[in-house]
PDB file of N, CA and C in Angstrom:
ATOM      1  N   MET A   1     -41.290 -19.666  24.376  1.00  0.00           N
ATOM      2  CA  MET A   1     -40.656 -20.790  23.603  1.00  0.00           C
ATOM      3  C   MET A   1     -40.219 -19.809  22.011  1.00  0.00           C
ATOM      4  N   GLU A   2     -41.063 -19.285  21.698  1.00  0.00           N
ATOM      5  CA  GLU A   2     -41.050 -18.818  20.415  1.00  0.00           C
ATOM      6  C   GLU A   2     -39.964 -17.210  20.366  1.00  0.00           C
ATOM      7  N   ASN A   3     -39.956 -16.921  21.512  1.00  0.00           N
ATOM      8  CA  ASN A   3     -39.162 -15.745  21.796  1.00  0.00           C
ATOM      9  C   ASN A   3     -37.629 -15.993  22.022  1.00  0.00           C
ATOM     10  N   LEU A   4     -37.577 -17.149  22.619  1.00  0.00           N
ATOM     11  CA  LEU A   4     -36.092 -17.723  22.973  1.00  0.00           C
ATOM     12  C   LEU A   4     -35.657 -18.321  21.420  1.00  0.00           C
ATOM     13  N   ASP A   5     -36.163 -18.892  20.655  1.00  0.00           N
ATOM     14  CA  ASP A   5     -36.122 -19.305  19.220  1.00  0.00           C
ATOM     15  C   ASP A   5     -35.635 -17.912  18.288  1.00  0.00           C
ATOM     16  N   THR A   6     -36.231 -16.870  18.315  1.00  0.00           N
ATOM     17  CA  THR A   6     -36.000 -15.727  17.785  1.00  0.00           C
ATOM     18  C   THR A   6     -34.677 -15.046  18.454  1.00  0.00           C
ATOM     19  N   THR A   7     -34.594 -15.196  19.435  1.00  0.00           N
ATOM     20  CA  THR A   7     -33.594 -14.740  20.226  1.00  0.00           C
ATOM     21  C   THR A   7     -32.108 -15.341  19.793  1.00  0.00           C
ATOM     22  N   GLN A   8     -32.395 -17.027  19.749  1.00  0.00           N
ATOM     23  CA  GLN A   8     -31.221 -17.494  19.296  1.00  0.00           C
ATOM     24  C   GLN A   8     -31.058 -17.512  17.902  1.00  0.00           C
ATOM     25  N   THR A   9     -31.964 -16.943  17.097  1.00  0.00           N
ATOM     26  CA  THR A   9     -31.907 -17.032  15.549  1.00  0.00           C
ATOM     27  C   THR A   9     -30.856 -15.833  15.390  1.00  0.00           C
ATOM     28  N   ARG A  10     -31.288 -14.466  15.939  1.00  0.00           N
ATOM     29  CA  ARG A  10     -30.674 -13.461  16.140  1.00  0.00           C
ATOM     30  C   ARG A  10     -29.258 -13.308  16.625  1.00  0.00           C
ATOM     31  N   LEU A  11     -29.155 -14.096  17.726  1.00  0.00           N
ATOM     32  CA  LEU A  11     -27.657 -14.078  18.089  1.00  0.00           C
ATOM     33  C   LEU A  11     -26.899 -14.743  17.056  1.00  0.00           C
ATOM     34  N   THR A  12     -27.274 -16.099  16.741  1.00  0.00           N
ATOM     35  CA  THR A  12     -26.468 -16.608  15.425  1.00  0.00           C
ATOM     36  C   THR A  12     -26.056 -15.814  14.394  1.00  0.00           C
ATOM     37  N   ASP A  13     -27.198 -15.002  13.953  1.00  0.00           N
ATOM     38  CA  ASP A  13     -26.823 -13.951  12.910  1.00  0.00           C
ATOM     39  C   ASP A  13     -25.660 -12.812  13.248  1.00  0.00           C
ATOM     40  N   LEU A  14     -25.815 -12.587  14.345  1.00  0.00           N
ATOM     41  CA  LEU A  14     -24.787 -11.414  14.809  1.00  0.00           C
ATOM     42  C   LEU A  14     -23.522 -12.006  14.765  1.00  0.00           C
ATOM     43  N   GLU A  15     -23.430 -13.453  15.545  1.00  0.00           N
ATOM     44  CA  GLU A  15     -22.214 -14.191  15.211  1.00  0.00           C
ATOM     45  C   GLU A  15     -21.595 -14.567  13.839  1.00  0.00           C
ATOM     46  N   ILE A  16     -22.642 -14.633  12.927  1.00  0.00           N
ATOM     47  CA  ILE A  16     -22.136 -14.979  11.591  1.00  0.00           C
ATOM     48  C   ILE A  16     -21.415 -13.505  10.764  1.00  0.00           C
ATOM     49  N   LYS A  17     -22.323 -12.601  11.221  1.00  0.00           N
ATOM     50  CA  LYS A  17     -21.857 -11.269  10.586  1.00  0.00           C
ATOM     51  C   LYS A  17     -20.558 -10.661  11.443  1.00  0.00           C
ATOM     52  N   ALA A  18     -20.496 -11.163  12.814  1.00  0.00           N
ATOM     53  CA  ALA A  18     -19.023 -10.972  13.369  1.00  0.00           C
ATOM     54  C   ALA A  18     -17.796 -11.507  12.648  1.00  0.00           C
ATOM     55  N   SER A  19     -17.951 -12.749  12.548  1.00  0.00           N
ATOM     56  CA  SER A  19     -17.189 -13.609  11.593  1.00  0.00           C
ATOM     57  C   SER A  19     -16.619 -12.990  10.597  1.00  0.00           C
ATOM     58  N   TYR A  20     -17.604 -12.615   9.534  1.00  0.00           N
ATOM     59  CA  TYR A  20     -17.561 -11.821   8.429  1.00  0.00           C
ATOM     60  C   TYR A  20     -16.670 -10.764   8.565  1.00  0.00           C
ATOM     61  N   THR A  21     -17.182  -9.882   9.703  1.00  0.00           N
ATOM     62  CA  THR A  21     -16.378  -8.612   9.740  1.00  0.00           C
ATOM     63  C   THR A  21     -15.045  -9.051   9.951  1.00  0.00           C
ATOM     64  N   GLU A  22     -14.692  -9.829  10.922  1.00  0.00           N
ATOM     65  CA  GLU A  22     -13.155 -10.105  11.690  1.00  0.00           C
ATOM     66  C   GLU A  22     -12.582 -10.721  10.249  1.00  0.00           C
ATOM     67  N   HIS A  23     -13.060 -11.643   9.450  1.00  0.00           N
ATOM     68  CA  HIS A  23     -12.349 -11.886   7.959  1.00  0.00           C
ATOM     69  C   HIS A  23     -12.453 -10.775   7.321  1.00  0.00           C
ATOM     70  N   LEU A  24     -12.955  -9.773   6.959  1.00  0.00           N
ATOM     71  CA  LEU A  24     -12.837  -8.545   6.136  1.00  0.00           C
ATOM     72  C   LEU A  24     -11.675  -7.621   6.354  1.00  0.00           C
ATOM     73  N   LEU A  25     -11.751  -7.585   8.150  1.00  0.00           N
ATOM     74  CA  LEU A  25     -10.674  -7.124   8.819  1.00  0.00           C
ATOM     75  C   LEU A  25      -9.216  -7.390   8.418  1.00  0.00           C
ATOM     76  N   GLU A  26      -9.069  -8.608   8.708  1.00  0.00           N
ATOM     77  CA  GLU A  26      -7.860  -9.155   8.167  1.00  0.00           C
ATOM     78  C   GLU A  26      -7.443  -9.066   6.894  1.00  0.00           C
ATOM     79  N   GLN A  27      -8.550  -9.198   5.866  1.00  0.00           N
ATOM     80  CA  GLN A  27      -8.027  -8.869   4.676  1.00  0.00           C
ATOM     81  C   GLN A  27      -7.524  -7.408   4.337  1.00  0.00           C
ATOM     82  N   LEU A  28      -8.188  -6.501   4.888  1.00  0.00           N
ATOM     83  CA  LEU A  28      -8.039  -4.906   5.028  1.00  0.00           C
ATOM     84  C   LEU A  28      -6.644  -4.915   5.779  1.00  0.00           C
ATOM     85  N   ASP A  29      -5.965  -5.445   6.654  1.00  0.00           N
ATOM     86  CA  ASP A  29      -5.106  -5.370   7.376  1.00  0.00           C
ATOM     87  C   ASP A  29      -4.001  -5.603   6.314  1.00  0.00           C
ATOM     88  N   ALA A  30      -4.013  -6.741   5.908  1.00  0.00           N
ATOM     89  CA  ALA A  30      -2.992  -7.388   4.872  1.00  0.00           C
ATOM     90  C   ALA A  30      -2.855  -6.317   3.685  1.00  0.00           C
ATOM     91  N   VAL A  31      -3.947  -6.139   3.259  1.00  0.00           N
ATOM     92  CA  VAL A  31      -3.736  -4.900   1.963  1.00  0.00           C
ATOM     93  C   VAL A  31      -2.982  -3.722   2.480  1.00  0.00           C
ATOM     94  N   VAL A  32      -3.395  -3.085   3.959  1.00  0.00           N
ATOM     95  CA  VAL A  32      -2.602  -1.970   4.215  1.00  0.00           C
ATOM     96  C   VAL A  32      -1.209  -2.405   4.267  1.00  0.00           C
ATOM     97  N   VAL A  33      -0.843  -3.541   4.882  1.00  0.00           N
ATOM     98  CA  VAL A  33       0.481  -3.904   5.183  1.00  0.00           C
ATOM     99  C   VAL A  33       1.488  -4.170   4.145  1.00  0.00           C
ATOM    100  N   ARG A  34       0.743  -4.626   3.074  1.00  0.00           N
ATOM    101  CA  ARG A  34       1.496  -4.684   1.673  1.00  0.00           C
ATOM    102  C   ARG A  34       1.666  -3.278   0.861  1.00  0.00           C
ATOM    103  N   GLN A  35       0.662  -2.299   1.242  1.00  0.00           N
ATOM    104  CA  GLN A  35       0.609  -0.892   0.736  1.00  0.00           C
ATOM    105  C   GLN A  35       1.795  -0.085   1.227  1.00  0.00           C
ATOM    106  N   GLN A  36       2.032  -0.518   2.453  1.00  0.00           N
ATOM    107  CA  GLN A  36       2.844   0.248   3.382  1.00  0.00           C
ATOM    108  C   GLN A  36       4.605  -0.395   2.931  1.00  0.00           C
ATOM    109  N   GLN A  37       4.431  -1.432   2.566  1.00  0.00           N
ATOM    110  CA  GLN A  37       5.561  -2.037   2.078  1.00  0.00           C
ATOM    111  C   GLN A  37       6.112  -1.320   0.830  1.00  0.00           C
ATOM    112  N   GLN A  38       5.017  -1.368  -0.350  1.00  0.00           N
ATOM    113  CA  GLN A  38       5.344  -0.547  -1.330  1.00  0.00           C
ATOM    114  C   GLN A  38       5.500   0.950  -1.395  1.00  0.00           C
ATOM    115  N   ILE A  39       4.893   1.600  -0.588  1.00  0.00           N
ATOM    116  CA  ILE A  39       5.322   2.906   0.063  1.00  0.00           C
ATOM    117  C   ILE A  39       6.707   3.151   0.341  1.00  0.00           C
ATOM    118  N   ASP A  40       7.024   2.332   1.289  1.00  0.00           N
ATOM    119  CA  ASP A  40       8.335   2.166   1.829  1.00  0.00           C
ATOM    120  C   ASP A  40       9.587   1.942   0.613  1.00  0.00           C
ATOM    121  N   THR A  41       9.300   1.170  -0.052  1.00  0.00           N
ATOM    122  CA  THR A  41       9.838   0.598  -1.142  1.00  0.00           C
ATOM    123  C   THR A  41      10.305   1.906  -2.133  1.00  0.00           C
ATOM    124  N   LEU A  42       8.968   2.530  -2.657  1.00  0.00           N
ATOM    125  CA  LEU A  42       9.078   3.624  -3.423  1.00  0.00           C
ATOM    126  C   LEU A  42       9.732   4.900  -2.731  1.00  0.00           C
ATOM    127  N   ILE A  43       9.845   4.862  -1.381  1.00  0.00           N
ATOM    128  CA  ILE A  43      10.412   6.094  -0.785  1.00  0.00           C
ATOM    129  C   ILE A  43      11.842   5.993  -0.793  1.00  0.00           C
ATOM    130  N   ALA A  44      12.364   4.698  -0.794  1.00  0.00           N
ATOM    131  CA  ALA A  44      13.763   4.513  -0.920  1.00  0.00           C
ATOM    132  C   ALA A  44      14.368   4.502  -2.353  1.00  0.00           C
ATOM    133  N   GLU A  45      13.675   4.027  -3.259  1.00  0.00           N
ATOM    134  CA  GLU A  45      13.736   4.297  -4.459  1.00  0.00           C
ATOM    135  C   GLU A  45      14.064   5.896  -5.002  1.00  0.00           C
ATOM    136  N   ILE A  46      13.055   6.570  -4.298  1.00  0.00           N
ATOM    137  CA  ILE A  46      13.222   8.026  -4.440  1.00  0.00           C
ATOM    138  C   ILE A  46      14.339   8.804  -3.994  1.00  0.00           C
ATOM    139  N   ARG A  47      14.467   8.159  -2.593  1.00  0.00           N
ATOM    140  CA  ARG A  47      15.904   8.652  -2.157  1.00  0.00           C
ATOM    141  C   ARG A  47      17.066   8.320  -2.924  1.00  0.00           C
ATOM    142  N   ARG A  48      16.985   7.109  -3.530  1.00  0.00           N
ATOM    143  CA  ARG A  48      18.373   6.694  -4.320  1.00  0.00           C
ATOM    144  C   ARG A  48      18.393   7.394  -5.395  1.00  0.00           C
ATOM    145  N   LEU A  49      17.218   7.794  -6.369  1.00  0.00           N
ATOM    146  CA  LEU A  49      17.489   8.498  -7.414  1.00  0.00           C
ATOM    147  C   LEU A  49      17.734  10.000  -6.808  1.00  0.00           C
ATOM    148  N   ARG A  50      17.482  10.671  -6.119  1.00  0.00           N
ATOM    149  CA  ARG A  50      17.649  12.038  -5.558  1.00  0.00           C
ATOM    150  C   ARG A  50      19.330  12.054  -5.293  1.00  0.00           C
ATOM    151  N   GLN A  51      19.836  10.937  -4.623  1.00  0.00           N
ATOM    152  CA  GLN A  51      21.224  10.837  -4.351  1.00  0.00           C
ATOM    153  C   GLN A  51      22.129  10.772  -5.674  1.00  0.00           C
ATOM    154  N   ALA A  52      21.435   9.888  -6.447  1.00  0.00           N
ATOM    155  CA  ALA A  52      22.365   9.837  -7.771  1.00  0.00           C
ATOM    156  C   ALA A  52      22.358  11.255  -8.845  1.00  0.00           C
ATOM    157  N   SER A  53      21.236  12.075  -8.505  1.00  0.00           N
ATOM    158  CA  SER A  53      21.185  12.861  -9.535  1.00  0.00           C
ATOM    159  C   SER A  53      22.247  14.233  -8.581  1.00  0.00           C
ATOM    160  N   GLN A  54      22.025  13.822  -7.500  1.00  0.00           N
ATOM    161  CA  GLN A  54      22.874  15.118  -6.920  1.00  0.00           C
ATOM    162  C   GLN A  54      24.186  14.773  -7.045  1.00  0.00           C
ATOM    163  N   SER A  55      24.946  13.353  -7.257  1.00  0.00           N
ATOM    164  CA  SER A  55      25.946  13.143  -7.347  1.00  0.00           C
ATOM    165  C   SER A  55      26.503  13.532  -8.570  1.00  0.00           C
ATOM    166  N   GLU A  56      25.167  13.376  -9.696  1.00  0.00           N
ATOM    167  CA  GLU A  56      25.735  13.539 -11.024  1.00  0.00           C
ATOM    168  C   GLU A  56      26.128  15.115 -11.286  1.00  0.00           C
ATOM    169  N   THR A  57      25.293  15.957 -10.561  1.00  0.00           N
ATOM    170  CA  THR A  57      25.070  17.277 -10.577  1.00  0.00           C
ATOM    171  C   THR A  57      26.623  17.898  -9.880  1.00  0.00           C
ATOM    172  N   LEU A  58      26.711  17.298  -8.613  1.00  0.00           N
ATOM    173  CA  LEU A  58      28.187  17.608  -8.052  1.00  0.00           C
ATOM    174  C   LEU A  58      29.320  17.411  -8.837  1.00  0.00           C
ATOM    175  N   ALA A  59      29.338  16.447  -9.379  1.00  0.00           N
ATOM    176  CA  ALA A  59      30.575  15.673 -10.148  1.00  0.00           C
ATOM    177  C   ALA A  59      30.440  16.609 -11.509  1.00  0.00           C
ATOM    178  N   GLY A  60      29.378  17.066 -12.026  1.00  0.00           N
ATOM    179  CA  GLY A  60      29.598  17.906 -13.073  1.00  0.00           C
ATOM    180  C   GLY A  60      29.418  16.896 -14.486  1.00  0.00           C
ATOM    181  N   THR A  61      29.026  15.658 -14.141  1.00  0.00           N
ATOM    182  CA  THR A  61      28.670  14.898 -15.189  1.00  0.00           C
ATOM    183  C   THR A  61      27.340  14.806 -15.842  1.00  0.00           C
ATOM    184  N   THR A  62      27.077  15.000 -17.396  1.00  0.00           N
ATOM    185  CA  THR A  62      25.958  15.213 -17.600  1.00  0.00           C
ATOM    186  C   THR A  62      25.493  13.892 -18.277  1.00  0.00           C
ATOM    187  N   SER A  63      24.480  13.294 -18.646  1.00  0.00           N
ATOM    188  CA  SER A  63      23.999  12.416 -19.147  1.00  0.00           C
ATOM    189  C   SER A  63      23.756  12.677 -20.861  1.00  0.00           C
ATOM    190  N   LEU A  64      23.679  11.682 -21.545  1.00  0.00           N
ATOM    191  CA  LEU A  64      23.704  11.804 -23.131  1.00  0.00           C
ATOM    192  C   LEU A  64      22.103  12.546 -23.169  1.00  0.00           C
ATOM    193  N   ARG A  65      21.266  11.935 -22.495  1.00  0.00           N
ATOM    194  CA  ARG A  65      19.798  11.960 -22.424  1.00  0.00           C
ATOM    195  C   ARG A  65      19.366  13.409 -22.152  1.00  0.00           C
ATOM    196  N   ASP A  66      20.444  14.291 -21.386  1.00  0.00           N
ATOM    197  CA  ASP A  66      20.153  15.703 -20.831  1.00  0.00           C
ATOM    198  C   ASP A  66      20.662  16.382 -21.912  1.00  0.00           C
ATOM    199  N   GLU A  67      21.237  16.115 -22.901  1.00  0.00           N
ATOM    200  CA  GLU A  67      21.907  16.884 -24.150  1.00  0.00           C
ATOM    201  C   GLU A  67      20.678  16.972 -25.387  1.00  0.00           C
ATOM    202  N   LEU A  68      20.682  17.931 -25.876  1.00  0.00           N
ATOM    203  CA  LEU A  68      20.038  18.203 -27.126  1.00  0.00           C
ATOM    204  C   LEU A  68      20.346  17.427 -28.440  1.00  0.00           C
ATOM    205  N   PRO A  69      19.827  16.985 -29.065  1.00  0.00           N
ATOM    206  CA  PRO A  69      20.395  16.407 -30.092  1.00  0.00           C
ATOM    207  C   PRO A  69      20.654  17.524 -31.238  1.00  0.00           C
ATOM    208  N   PRO A  70      21.910  17.323 -32.051  1.00  0.00           N
ATOM    209  CA  PRO A  70      22.303  18.249 -32.803  1.00  0.00           C
ATOM    210  C   PRO A  70      21.028  19.373 -33.686  1.00  0.00           C
ATOM    211  N   HIS A  71      19.950  18.691 -34.235  1.00  0.00           N
ATOM    212  CA  HIS A  71      19.213  19.139 -35.094  1.00  0.00           C
ATOM    213  C   HIS A  71      18.294  20.490 -34.229  1.00  0.00           C
ATOM    214  N   TYR A  72      18.355  20.498 -33.116  1.00  0.00           N
ATOM    215  CA  TYR A  72      17.589  21.593 -32.265  1.00  0.00           C
ATOM    216  C   TYR A  72      18.498  22.889 -32.283  1.00  0.00           C
TER     217      TYR A  72
END
């Protein structure tokens, strides 16, 4: 009888640990999804900036920020 109680207690403990592990895995999965969305957004922004930079270079336009001030 004592062996059965010990086995039941161990089984319950394992079920609790499995439940916590599943919850943690769901949380980590959500973090990974959010980070991938951020990465995708950053990649799109980098592409946009590169295209804008290439367009300016090809058009020969320069930004006032690219020019040195008169005192240099």
